[in-house]
Amino acid sequence: MKQAQLFIALGAGNAFLAVVMGAFGAHWLKDSLGAYATVYDTGVEYQMAHALGLVMIGIIAYWQQNSPWLAIAGWLLMAGIILFCGSLYALSLSGILALGMITPLGGLCFLLGWLSLLRLAWQDS
């Protein structure tokens, strides 16, 4: 699969999952999440935002084929979704506070991913 197709597929898949997780939280978990409802909602919001970022990276990849900065940005956003959103989902569903130690690693991946995209924008054509 080409880089463009891969990141569009990863983004679309994550956007789909964000909608599923949002619906799951709003309809089936609304009574059981309690104080963790905002934590769960944050996971959904960040997953959707970064899913759209992955789609955007895929679209850019059609013009910047085989760009290492795009690949780095895409994989960092994907790692951020797994670590940041995944840890928030796991924390809110389990109540295990230690899972919150993983969240900043995901946030760092998000930041580095966006910086990688910024680096691509600043590179010489």
Protein backbone atom coordinates (compact mmCIF):
# COMPACT_ATOMS: atom_id res chain seq x y z
CA MET A 1 0.00 0.00 0.00
CA LYS A 2 1.32 3.44 -0.87
CA GLN A 3 2.08 5.90 1.91
CA ALA A 4 -0.84 8.14 0.90
CA GLN A 5 -3.34 5.30 0.93
CA LEU A 6 -1.98 3.92 4.18
CA PHE A 7 -2.37 7.13 6.15
CA ILE A 8 -5.79 7.88 4.68
CA ALA A 9 -6.87 4.36 5.65
CA LEU A 10 -5.42 4.70 9.16
CA GLY A 11 -7.12 8.08 9.55
CA ALA A 12 -10.49 6.87 8.28
CA GLY A 13 -10.29 3.77 10.48
CA ASN A 14 -9.48 5.87 13.53
CA ALA A 15 -12.25 8.36 12.72
CA PHE A 16 -14.67 5.43 12.51
CA LEU A 17 -13.43 4.10 15.86
CA ALA A 18 -13.71 7.56 17.45
CA VAL A 19 -17.38 7.70 16.45
CA VAL A 20 -17.92 4.18 17.79
CA MET A 21 -16.17 5.01 21.06
CA GLY A 22 -18.12 8.26 21.38
CA ALA A 23 -21.43 6.48 20.84
CA PHE A 24 -20.40 3.67 23.17
CA GLY A 25 -19.53 6.20 25.88
CA ALA A 26 -22.64 8.30 25.39
CA HIS A 27 -25.14 5.46 25.28
CA TRP A 28 -23.83 2.40 27.07
CA LEU A 29 -21.27 3.80 29.49
CA LYS A 30 -22.84 7.11 30.49
CA ASP A 31 -23.96 5.80 33.88
CA SER A 32 -20.85 3.77 34.69
CA LEU A 33 -18.09 6.25 33.76
CA GLY A 34 -18.93 8.67 36.56
CA ALA A 35 -16.01 11.00 37.27
CA TYR A 36 -14.09 9.48 34.36
CA ALA A 37 -16.58 10.65 31.74
CA THR A 38 -14.49 13.70 30.86
CA VAL A 39 -11.36 11.55 30.61
CA TYR A 40 -13.16 9.23 28.20
CA ASP A 41 -14.52 12.17 26.18
CA THR A 42 -11.02 13.63 25.91
CA GLY A 43 -9.84 10.35 24.40
CA VAL A 44 -12.65 10.48 21.82
CA GLU A 45 -11.94 14.11 20.91
CA TYR A 46 -8.21 13.60 20.51
CA GLN A 47 -8.70 10.41 18.53
CA MET A 48 -10.97 12.17 16.06
CA ALA A 49 -8.72 15.23 15.74
CA HIS A 50 -5.64 13.13 15.08
CA ALA A 51 -7.53 10.75 12.78
CA LEU A 52 -8.26 13.79 10.63
CA GLY A 53 -4.57 14.68 10.88
CA LEU A 54 -3.72 11.24 9.49
CA VAL A 55 -6.12 11.76 6.59
CA MET A 56 -4.50 15.13 5.93
CA ILE A 57 -1.04 13.51 5.94
CA GLY A 58 -2.30 10.95 3.46
CA ILE A 59 -3.62 13.66 1.17
CA ILE A 60 -0.33 15.57 1.36
CA ALA A 61 1.51 12.32 0.59
CA TYR A 62 -0.03 12.29 -2.89
CA TRP A 63 2.09 15.38 -3.66
CA GLN A 64 5.07 14.64 -1.42
CA GLN A 65 5.54 10.99 -2.27
CA ASN A 66 7.93 9.02 -0.10
CA SER A 67 8.64 11.97 2.18
CA PRO A 68 10.37 10.77 5.33
CA TRP A 69 8.90 13.70 7.31
CA LEU A 70 5.37 12.67 6.34
CA ALA A 71 6.00 9.08 7.34
CA ILE A 72 7.48 10.19 10.66
CA ALA A 73 4.55 12.54 11.27
CA GLY A 74 1.99 9.88 10.41
CA TRP A 75 3.50 7.16 12.55
CA LEU A 76 3.92 9.53 15.47
CA LEU A 77 0.26 10.57 15.26
CA MET A 78 -0.72 6.90 15.11
CA ALA A 79 1.47 6.13 18.15
CA GLY A 80 -0.09 9.10 19.93
CA ILE A 81 -3.58 7.79 19.27
CA ILE A 82 -2.66 4.40 20.67
CA LEU A 83 -0.80 5.71 23.72
CA PHE A 84 -2.76 8.87 24.55
CA CYS A 85 -6.30 7.87 23.63
CA GLY A 86 -5.80 4.22 24.48
CA SER A 87 -4.54 5.05 27.96
CA LEU A 88 -7.44 7.44 28.55
CA TYR A 89 -9.96 4.80 27.47
CA ALA A 90 -8.28 2.15 29.62
CA LEU A 91 -8.05 4.49 32.62
CA SER A 92 -11.67 5.59 32.39
CA LEU A 93 -12.97 2.03 31.97
CA SER A 94 -10.75 0.38 34.60
CA GLY A 95 -10.15 3.16 37.13
CA ILE A 96 -6.47 2.13 37.29
CA LEU A 97 -4.79 5.50 37.81
CA ALA A 98 -1.32 4.17 36.91
CA LEU A 99 -2.47 4.01 33.28
CA GLY A 100 -2.41 7.80 33.32
CA MET A 101 1.41 7.63 33.30
CA ILE A 102 1.24 6.46 29.67
CA THR A 103 -0.86 9.43 28.51
CA PRO A 104 1.99 12.00 28.43
CA LEU A 105 4.00 9.69 26.14
CA GLY A 106 1.11 9.78 23.69
CA GLY A 107 0.93 13.55 24.02
CA LEU A 108 4.64 13.76 23.24
CA CYS A 109 4.07 11.63 20.14
CA PHE A 110 1.33 14.03 19.04
CA LEU A 111 3.62 17.04 19.52
CA LEU A 112 6.52 15.43 17.67
CA GLY A 113 4.20 14.34 14.88
CA TRP A 114 2.94 17.88 14.33
CA LEU A 115 6.50 19.21 14.53
CA SER A 116 7.52 16.70 11.84
CA LEU A 117 4.77 18.04 9.61
CA LEU A 118 5.95 21.56 10.36
CA ARG A 119 9.47 20.53 9.36
CA LEU A 120 8.15 19.22 6.05
CA ALA A 121 6.42 22.55 5.41
CA TRP A 122 9.67 24.44 6.03
CA GLN A 123 11.93 22.25 3.95
CA ASP A 124 13.32 23.55 0.69
CA SER A 125 11.33 22.51 -2.36
